Amino acid sequence: MSWSEDDVRLVPVEWLKAHEEIKPKNMEKLLEMTLKWDGFTKPLIVDKATGTVLDGHHRLAVAQRLELARIPVVCIDYLDDSSVELELWPASKLESISKQEVIDMALSANLYPAKTTRHRTSDHLPPIHVSLKRLSLLTPSQAAENE
């Protein structure tokens, strides 16, 4: 499977669920670059069933900081897609981890430490540019929910 720009969807920021913490300095640097680029240039990878962020925690934090309504993502079937490999970063304090444990953490009130998990896919994310203005606009259904 190869991803293209057609696979990128704009989803509500509040639907997404982190499973690990971020590094504040990394987020600040990415925030600076996102403002300079006036948009997102790489989508997040998320589980289509739960909204669990697999790749893009710092991008999610930037979107939250900017109070964006939507964010670009590529949705995958995380638990059943064998092309998505889950690894632990060398500095992780865990000895092992499963995809289900990643989902469970995202659905809980807790987070793993930053850089605990690493997700690899054989497909590269498509280059994109979605403007901050477009991401800040509420869809009609989102506007109705906020009233």
N, C-alpha and C. Protein backbone atom coordinates (compact mmCIF):
# COMPACT_ATOMS: atom_id res chain seq x y z
N MET A 1 0.84 -1.18 0.00
CA MET A 1 0.00 0.00 0.00
C MET A 1 0.88 1.24 0.00
N SER A 2 0.50 2.19 -0.77
CA SER A 2 1.23 3.45 -0.80
C SER A 2 0.25 4.58 -0.51
N TRP A 3 0.61 5.45 0.41
CA TRP A 3 -0.27 6.55 0.77
C TRP A 3 -0.08 7.71 -0.19
N SER A 4 -1.18 8.40 -0.43
CA SER A 4 -1.14 9.60 -1.26
C SER A 4 -1.87 10.71 -0.52
N GLU A 5 -1.87 11.87 -1.11
CA GLU A 5 -2.56 13.00 -0.49
C GLU A 5 -4.06 12.71 -0.32
N ASP A 6 -4.61 11.83 -1.17
CA ASP A 6 -6.03 11.47 -1.06
C ASP A 6 -6.34 10.69 0.22
N ASP A 7 -5.32 10.09 0.85
CA ASP A 7 -5.52 9.34 2.08
C ASP A 7 -5.54 10.24 3.31
N VAL A 8 -5.20 11.50 3.14
CA VAL A 8 -5.15 12.44 4.26
C VAL A 8 -6.55 13.00 4.49
N ARG A 9 -6.98 12.91 5.75
CA ARG A 9 -8.29 13.44 6.15
C ARG A 9 -8.08 14.50 7.22
N LEU A 10 -9.00 15.44 7.27
CA LEU A 10 -8.99 16.43 8.35
C LEU A 10 -9.98 15.96 9.40
N VAL A 11 -9.49 15.74 10.61
CA VAL A 11 -10.35 15.25 11.68
C VAL A 11 -10.35 16.25 12.83
N PRO A 12 -11.41 16.23 13.66
CA PRO A 12 -11.44 17.12 14.83
C PRO A 12 -10.29 16.80 15.78
N VAL A 13 -9.61 17.83 16.24
CA VAL A 13 -8.47 17.65 17.15
C VAL A 13 -8.91 16.90 18.41
N GLU A 14 -10.11 17.19 18.91
CA GLU A 14 -10.55 16.57 20.17
C GLU A 14 -10.82 15.07 20.03
N TRP A 15 -10.94 14.54 18.80
CA TRP A 15 -11.14 13.10 18.61
C TRP A 15 -9.87 12.32 18.89
N LEU A 16 -8.72 12.96 18.75
CA LEU A 16 -7.44 12.27 18.86
C LEU A 16 -7.04 12.04 20.32
N LYS A 17 -6.36 10.92 20.55
CA LYS A 17 -5.93 10.54 21.89
C LYS A 17 -4.45 10.20 21.88
N ALA A 18 -3.69 10.92 22.68
CA ALA A 18 -2.26 10.64 22.82
C ALA A 18 -2.06 9.40 23.69
N HIS A 19 -0.95 8.70 23.47
CA HIS A 19 -0.61 7.59 24.36
C HIS A 19 0.73 7.83 25.06
N GLU A 20 1.42 8.90 24.66
CA GLU A 20 2.66 9.23 25.37
C GLU A 20 2.83 10.74 25.45
N GLU A 21 3.65 11.14 26.41
CA GLU A 21 3.93 12.55 26.63
C GLU A 21 4.78 13.11 25.49
N ILE A 22 4.95 14.42 25.49
CA ILE A 22 5.80 15.08 24.51
C ILE A 22 6.99 15.70 25.22
N LYS A 23 7.96 16.12 24.43
CA LYS A 23 9.09 16.89 24.95
C LYS A 23 8.78 18.35 24.64
N PRO A 24 8.57 19.18 25.69
CA PRO A 24 8.16 20.57 25.47
C PRO A 24 9.07 21.36 24.53
N LYS A 25 10.38 21.16 24.62
CA LYS A 25 11.29 21.90 23.73
C LYS A 25 11.05 21.51 22.27
N ASN A 26 10.82 20.23 22.02
CA ASN A 26 10.54 19.77 20.65
C ASN A 26 9.24 20.39 20.13
N MET A 27 8.24 20.47 21.02
CA MET A 27 6.96 21.05 20.61
C MET A 27 7.12 22.53 20.31
N GLU A 28 7.88 23.24 21.11
CA GLU A 28 8.08 24.68 20.88
C GLU A 28 8.78 24.92 19.54
N LYS A 29 9.76 24.10 19.24
CA LYS A 29 10.48 24.23 17.96
C LYS A 29 9.54 23.93 16.79
N LEU A 30 8.72 22.89 16.93
CA LEU A 30 7.77 22.55 15.88
C LEU A 30 6.69 23.62 15.74
N LEU A 31 6.27 24.20 16.84
CA LEU A 31 5.30 25.30 16.81
C LEU A 31 5.86 26.47 16.00
N GLU A 32 7.10 26.81 16.26
CA GLU A 32 7.77 27.88 15.53
C GLU A 32 7.80 27.59 14.02
N MET A 33 8.14 26.37 13.66
CA MET A 33 8.21 26.00 12.24
C MET A 33 6.81 25.96 11.61
N THR A 34 5.83 25.48 12.35
CA THR A 34 4.46 25.42 11.83
C THR A 34 3.94 26.82 11.53
N LEU A 35 4.25 27.77 12.41
CA LEU A 35 3.84 29.16 12.18
C LEU A 35 4.60 29.74 10.98
N LYS A 36 5.87 29.40 10.87
CA LYS A 36 6.68 29.89 9.73
C LYS A 36 6.12 29.35 8.41
N TRP A 37 5.76 28.05 8.40
CA TRP A 37 5.22 27.41 7.19
C TRP A 37 3.75 27.75 6.98
N ASP A 38 3.12 28.33 8.01
CA ASP A 38 1.70 28.64 8.00
C ASP A 38 0.85 27.40 7.70
N GLY A 39 1.24 26.28 8.29
CA GLY A 39 0.44 25.08 8.10
C GLY A 39 1.17 23.82 8.49
N PHE A 40 0.48 22.72 8.30
CA PHE A 40 1.04 21.39 8.57
C PHE A 40 1.56 20.81 7.27
N THR A 41 2.74 20.21 7.33
CA THR A 41 3.38 19.65 6.14
C THR A 41 3.49 18.13 6.21
N LYS A 42 3.00 17.55 7.30
CA LYS A 42 3.04 16.10 7.47
C LYS A 42 1.83 15.68 8.29
N PRO A 43 1.06 14.69 7.82
CA PRO A 43 -0.10 14.24 8.60
C PRO A 43 0.33 13.35 9.77
N LEU A 44 -0.53 13.23 10.75
CA LEU A 44 -0.35 12.28 11.83
C LEU A 44 -0.79 10.91 11.33
N ILE A 45 -0.31 9.86 11.97
CA ILE A 45 -0.82 8.52 11.72
C ILE A 45 -1.64 8.15 12.96
N VAL A 46 -2.90 7.75 12.74
CA VAL A 46 -3.78 7.44 13.85
C VAL A 46 -4.56 6.16 13.59
N ASP A 47 -4.98 5.53 14.68
CA ASP A 47 -5.84 4.35 14.59
C ASP A 47 -7.25 4.81 14.24
N LYS A 48 -7.80 4.23 13.18
CA LYS A 48 -9.10 4.68 12.68
C LYS A 48 -10.25 4.34 13.62
N ALA A 49 -10.09 3.34 14.47
CA ALA A 49 -11.17 2.94 15.37
C ALA A 49 -11.24 3.79 16.64
N THR A 50 -10.07 4.19 17.15
CA THR A 50 -10.05 4.86 18.46
C THR A 50 -9.52 6.29 18.43
N GLY A 51 -8.87 6.70 17.35
CA GLY A 51 -8.26 8.03 17.32
C GLY A 51 -6.93 8.08 18.05
N THR A 52 -6.37 6.92 18.36
CA THR A 52 -5.07 6.88 19.05
C THR A 52 -3.98 7.38 18.11
N VAL A 53 -3.20 8.35 18.60
CA VAL A 53 -2.09 8.89 17.82
C VAL A 53 -0.94 7.91 17.89
N LEU A 54 -0.48 7.46 16.73
CA LEU A 54 0.65 6.54 16.67
C LEU A 54 1.93 7.28 16.31
N ASP A 55 1.80 8.27 15.47
CA ASP A 55 2.94 9.11 15.08
C ASP A 55 2.41 10.53 14.94
N GLY A 56 2.99 11.46 15.71
CA GLY A 56 2.57 12.86 15.59
C GLY A 56 2.13 13.51 16.88
N HIS A 57 2.60 13.02 18.02
CA HIS A 57 2.21 13.61 19.29
C HIS A 57 2.59 15.10 19.39
N HIS A 58 3.75 15.45 18.87
CA HIS A 58 4.16 16.86 18.94
C HIS A 58 3.31 17.72 18.00
N ARG A 59 2.93 17.17 16.85
CA ARG A 59 2.04 17.90 15.94
C ARG A 59 0.67 18.10 16.58
N LEU A 60 0.19 17.08 17.30
CA LEU A 60 -1.08 17.22 18.01
C LEU A 60 -0.97 18.32 19.06
N ALA A 61 0.13 18.34 19.80
CA ALA A 61 0.32 19.36 20.83
C ALA A 61 0.36 20.77 20.22
N VAL A 62 0.96 20.90 19.04
CA VAL A 62 0.98 22.19 18.34
C VAL A 62 -0.45 22.59 17.98
N ALA A 63 -1.22 21.66 17.44
CA ALA A 63 -2.61 21.95 17.06
C ALA A 63 -3.43 22.37 18.28
N GLN A 64 -3.20 21.71 19.41
CA GLN A 64 -3.91 22.07 20.63
C GLN A 64 -3.48 23.46 21.12
N ARG A 65 -2.21 23.74 21.05
CA ARG A 65 -1.69 25.05 21.49
C ARG A 65 -2.27 26.17 20.63
N LEU A 66 -2.42 25.90 19.32
CA LEU A 66 -2.97 26.90 18.41
C LEU A 66 -4.50 26.90 18.40
N GLU A 67 -5.08 26.00 19.21
CA GLU A 67 -6.54 25.87 19.31
C GLU A 67 -7.19 25.64 17.95
N LEU A 68 -6.55 24.76 17.16
CA LEU A 68 -7.09 24.42 15.85
C LEU A 68 -8.30 23.51 16.00
N ALA A 69 -9.21 23.59 15.06
CA ALA A 69 -10.41 22.75 15.08
C ALA A 69 -10.12 21.37 14.50
N ARG A 70 -9.25 21.34 13.48
CA ARG A 70 -8.97 20.09 12.76
C ARG A 70 -7.48 19.92 12.56
N ILE A 71 -7.12 18.68 12.18
CA ILE A 71 -5.72 18.37 11.94
C ILE A 71 -5.64 17.28 10.87
N PRO A 72 -4.62 17.32 10.00
CA PRO A 72 -4.51 16.29 8.95
C PRO A 72 -3.96 14.97 9.49
N VAL A 73 -4.64 13.88 9.12
CA VAL A 73 -4.22 12.55 9.57
C VAL A 73 -4.35 11.54 8.44
N VAL A 74 -3.63 10.44 8.59
CA VAL A 74 -3.84 9.23 7.80
C VAL A 74 -4.32 8.20 8.81
N CYS A 75 -5.52 7.65 8.58
CA CYS A 75 -6.10 6.65 9.48
C CYS A 75 -5.75 5.25 9.01
N ILE A 76 -5.37 4.42 9.97
CA ILE A 76 -5.03 3.03 9.65
C ILE A 76 -5.76 2.09 10.60
N ASP A 77 -5.84 0.83 10.22
CA ASP A 77 -6.39 -0.21 11.07
C ASP A 77 -5.23 -0.77 11.89
N TYR A 78 -4.92 -0.10 12.97
CA TYR A 78 -3.71 -0.35 13.74
C TYR A 78 -3.56 -1.80 14.21
N LEU A 79 -4.60 -2.32 14.85
CA LEU A 79 -4.48 -3.66 15.42
C LEU A 79 -4.35 -4.75 14.36
N ASP A 80 -4.95 -4.55 13.20
CA ASP A 80 -4.95 -5.60 12.17
C ASP A 80 -3.96 -5.37 11.03
N ASP A 81 -3.30 -4.23 11.00
CA ASP A 81 -2.38 -3.93 9.90
C ASP A 81 -0.97 -4.39 10.27
N SER A 82 -0.55 -5.49 9.68
CA SER A 82 0.77 -6.06 10.02
C SER A 82 1.92 -5.24 9.43
N SER A 83 1.63 -4.30 8.55
CA SER A 83 2.70 -3.48 8.00
C SER A 83 3.14 -2.38 8.96
N VAL A 84 2.37 -2.18 10.03
CA VAL A 84 2.74 -1.20 11.06
C VAL A 84 3.48 -1.93 12.16
N GLU A 85 4.75 -1.60 12.31
CA GLU A 85 5.58 -2.25 13.32
C GLU A 85 5.72 -1.36 14.54
N LEU A 86 5.57 -1.96 15.70
CA LEU A 86 5.70 -1.26 16.98
C LEU A 86 7.02 -1.65 17.62
N GLU A 87 7.80 -0.64 18.00
CA GLU A 87 9.08 -0.86 18.67
C GLU A 87 9.15 0.03 19.90
N LEU A 88 10.06 -0.29 20.78
CA LEU A 88 10.37 0.58 21.91
C LEU A 88 11.63 1.36 21.59
N TRP A 89 11.67 2.63 21.99
CA TRP A 89 12.89 3.41 21.83
C TRP A 89 13.94 2.83 22.78
N PRO A 90 15.22 2.92 22.44
CA PRO A 90 16.27 2.35 23.30
C PRO A 90 16.24 2.87 24.75
N ALA A 91 15.85 4.11 24.96
CA ALA A 91 15.83 4.68 26.31
C ALA A 91 14.57 4.32 27.09
N SER A 92 13.64 3.62 26.46
CA SER A 92 12.39 3.25 27.13
C SER A 92 12.68 2.35 28.33
N LYS A 93 11.90 2.52 29.36
CA LYS A 93 12.07 1.70 30.55
C LYS A 93 11.26 0.40 30.49
N LEU A 94 10.48 0.24 29.42
CA LEU A 94 9.68 -0.97 29.27
C LEU A 94 10.50 -2.08 28.61
N GLU A 95 10.17 -3.31 28.92
CA GLU A 95 10.86 -4.44 28.28
C GLU A 95 10.13 -4.91 27.03
N SER A 96 8.82 -4.70 27.01
CA SER A 96 8.02 -5.08 25.84
C SER A 96 6.74 -4.26 25.85
N ILE A 97 6.06 -4.26 24.69
CA ILE A 97 4.80 -3.53 24.57
C ILE A 97 4.03 -4.14 23.40
N SER A 98 2.71 -4.09 23.51
CA SER A 98 1.86 -4.60 22.43
C SER A 98 1.03 -3.45 21.86
N LYS A 99 0.50 -3.67 20.68
CA LYS A 99 -0.37 -2.66 20.07
C LYS A 99 -1.60 -2.41 20.97
N GLN A 100 -2.13 -3.48 21.55
CA GLN A 100 -3.30 -3.32 22.42
C GLN A 100 -2.95 -2.47 23.64
N GLU A 101 -1.74 -2.61 24.17
CA GLU A 101 -1.33 -1.79 25.31
C GLU A 101 -1.23 -0.31 24.93
N VAL A 102 -0.82 -0.03 23.70
CA VAL A 102 -0.77 1.36 23.22
C VAL A 102 -2.19 1.93 23.18
N ILE A 103 -3.13 1.17 22.62
CA ILE A 103 -4.53 1.61 22.57
C ILE A 103 -5.08 1.80 23.97
N ASP A 104 -4.83 0.85 24.85
CA ASP A 104 -5.33 0.93 26.22
C ASP A 104 -4.80 2.17 26.93
N MET A 105 -3.54 2.50 26.72
CA MET A 105 -2.97 3.69 27.35
C MET A 105 -3.65 4.95 26.82
N ALA A 106 -3.88 5.00 25.51
CA ALA A 106 -4.53 6.18 24.92
C ALA A 106 -5.95 6.36 25.46
N LEU A 107 -6.62 5.27 25.74
CA LEU A 107 -7.99 5.34 26.24
C LEU A 107 -8.05 5.56 27.75
N SER A 108 -6.90 5.50 28.41
CA SER A 108 -6.86 5.72 29.86
C SER A 108 -6.56 7.20 30.13
N ALA A 109 -6.45 7.53 31.38
CA ALA A 109 -6.12 8.90 31.77
C ALA A 109 -4.61 9.08 31.92
N ASN A 110 -3.84 8.07 31.58
CA ASN A 110 -2.39 8.10 31.76
C ASN A 110 -1.67 8.19 30.42
N LEU A 111 -0.37 8.47 30.48
CA LEU A 111 0.47 8.52 29.28
C LEU A 111 1.80 7.85 29.58
N TYR A 112 2.37 7.19 28.54
CA TYR A 112 3.74 6.72 28.65
C TYR A 112 4.66 7.94 28.60
N PRO A 113 5.89 7.81 29.10
CA PRO A 113 6.85 8.90 28.94
C PRO A 113 7.13 9.17 27.46
N ALA A 114 7.59 10.37 27.17
CA ALA A 114 7.93 10.74 25.79
C ALA A 114 8.94 9.75 25.22
N LYS A 115 8.79 9.48 23.93
CA LYS A 115 9.70 8.60 23.19
C LYS A 115 9.78 7.20 23.81
N THR A 116 8.62 6.66 24.17
CA THR A 116 8.55 5.27 24.62
C THR A 116 8.37 4.36 23.42
N THR A 117 7.41 4.70 22.56
CA THR A 117 7.11 3.84 21.42
C THR A 117 7.56 4.47 20.11
N ARG A 118 7.76 3.59 19.15
CA ARG A 118 8.12 4.03 17.80
C ARG A 118 7.34 3.15 16.83
N HIS A 119 6.65 3.78 15.93
CA HIS A 119 5.88 3.05 14.93
C HIS A 119 6.53 3.22 13.57
N ARG A 120 6.75 2.10 12.92
CA ARG A 120 7.35 2.11 11.58
C ARG A 120 6.33 1.57 10.58
N THR A 121 6.31 2.20 9.43
CA THR A 121 5.49 1.70 8.34
C THR A 121 6.36 1.64 7.10
N SER A 122 5.97 0.77 6.20
CA SER A 122 6.75 0.65 4.97
C SER A 122 6.42 1.78 4.01
N ASP A 123 5.31 2.46 4.27
CA ASP A 123 4.89 3.55 3.39
C ASP A 123 5.29 4.90 3.97
N HIS A 124 5.75 5.77 3.10
CA HIS A 124 6.10 7.11 3.54
C HIS A 124 4.86 7.99 3.49
N LEU A 125 4.78 8.91 4.44
CA LEU A 125 3.65 9.83 4.45
C LEU A 125 3.76 10.79 3.28
N PRO A 126 2.63 11.14 2.69
CA PRO A 126 2.67 12.06 1.55
C PRO A 126 3.01 13.47 2.01
N PRO A 127 3.77 14.21 1.21
CA PRO A 127 4.01 15.62 1.56
C PRO A 127 2.70 16.38 1.37
N ILE A 128 2.39 17.23 2.32
CA ILE A 128 1.15 18.00 2.25
C ILE A 128 1.44 19.44 2.65
N HIS A 129 0.50 20.30 2.44
CA HIS A 129 0.48 21.62 3.07
C HIS A 129 -0.97 21.99 3.29
N VAL A 130 -1.38 21.95 4.55
CA VAL A 130 -2.73 22.35 4.93
C VAL A 130 -2.57 23.59 5.78
N SER A 131 -3.14 24.69 5.31
CA SER A 131 -2.94 25.98 5.97
C SER A 131 -3.58 26.02 7.36
N LEU A 132 -3.00 26.84 8.22
CA LEU A 132 -3.55 27.02 9.56
C LEU A 132 -4.96 27.60 9.48
N LYS A 133 -5.19 28.45 8.51
CA LYS A 133 -6.53 29.02 8.35
C LYS A 133 -7.55 27.92 8.08
N ARG A 134 -7.22 27.01 7.20
CA ARG A 134 -8.14 25.90 6.88
C ARG A 134 -8.36 25.01 8.10
N LEU A 135 -7.33 24.80 8.90
CA LEU A 135 -7.44 23.94 10.07
C LEU A 135 -8.19 24.63 11.22
N SER A 136 -8.23 25.94 11.20
CA SER A 136 -8.90 26.66 12.28
C SER A 136 -10.39 26.82 12.01
N LEU A 137 -10.81 26.58 10.78
CA LEU A 137 -12.22 26.74 10.43
C LEU A 137 -13.04 25.56 10.94
N LEU A 138 -14.13 25.87 11.58
CA LEU A 138 -15.03 24.83 12.05
C LEU A 138 -15.95 24.40 10.92
N THR A 139 -16.23 23.11 10.84
CA THR A 139 -17.23 22.63 9.90
C THR A 139 -18.60 23.01 10.48
N PRO A 140 -19.66 23.02 9.68
CA PRO A 140 -20.99 23.36 10.21
C PRO A 140 -21.40 22.49 11.41
N SER A 141 -21.09 21.19 11.36
CA SER A 141 -21.47 20.31 12.49
C SER A 141 -20.65 20.64 13.74
N GLN A 142 -19.36 21.00 13.57
CA GLN A 142 -18.55 21.38 14.73
C GLN A 142 -19.06 22.69 15.32
N ALA A 143 -19.45 23.64 14.48
CA ALA A 143 -19.97 24.92 14.95
C ALA A 143 -21.24 24.70 15.76
N ALA A 144 -22.11 23.80 15.28
CA ALA A 144 -23.35 23.49 16.00
C ALA A 144 -23.07 22.87 17.36
N GLU A 145 -22.05 21.99 17.42
CA GLU A 145 -21.68 21.35 18.69
C GLU A 145 -21.16 22.36 19.69
N ASN A 146 -20.50 23.41 19.22
CA ASN A 146 -19.90 24.40 20.12
C ASN A 146 -20.89 25.45 20.60
N GLU A 147 -22.11 25.43 20.10
CA GLU A 147 -23.10 26.44 20.51
C GLU A 147 -23.79 26.05 21.79
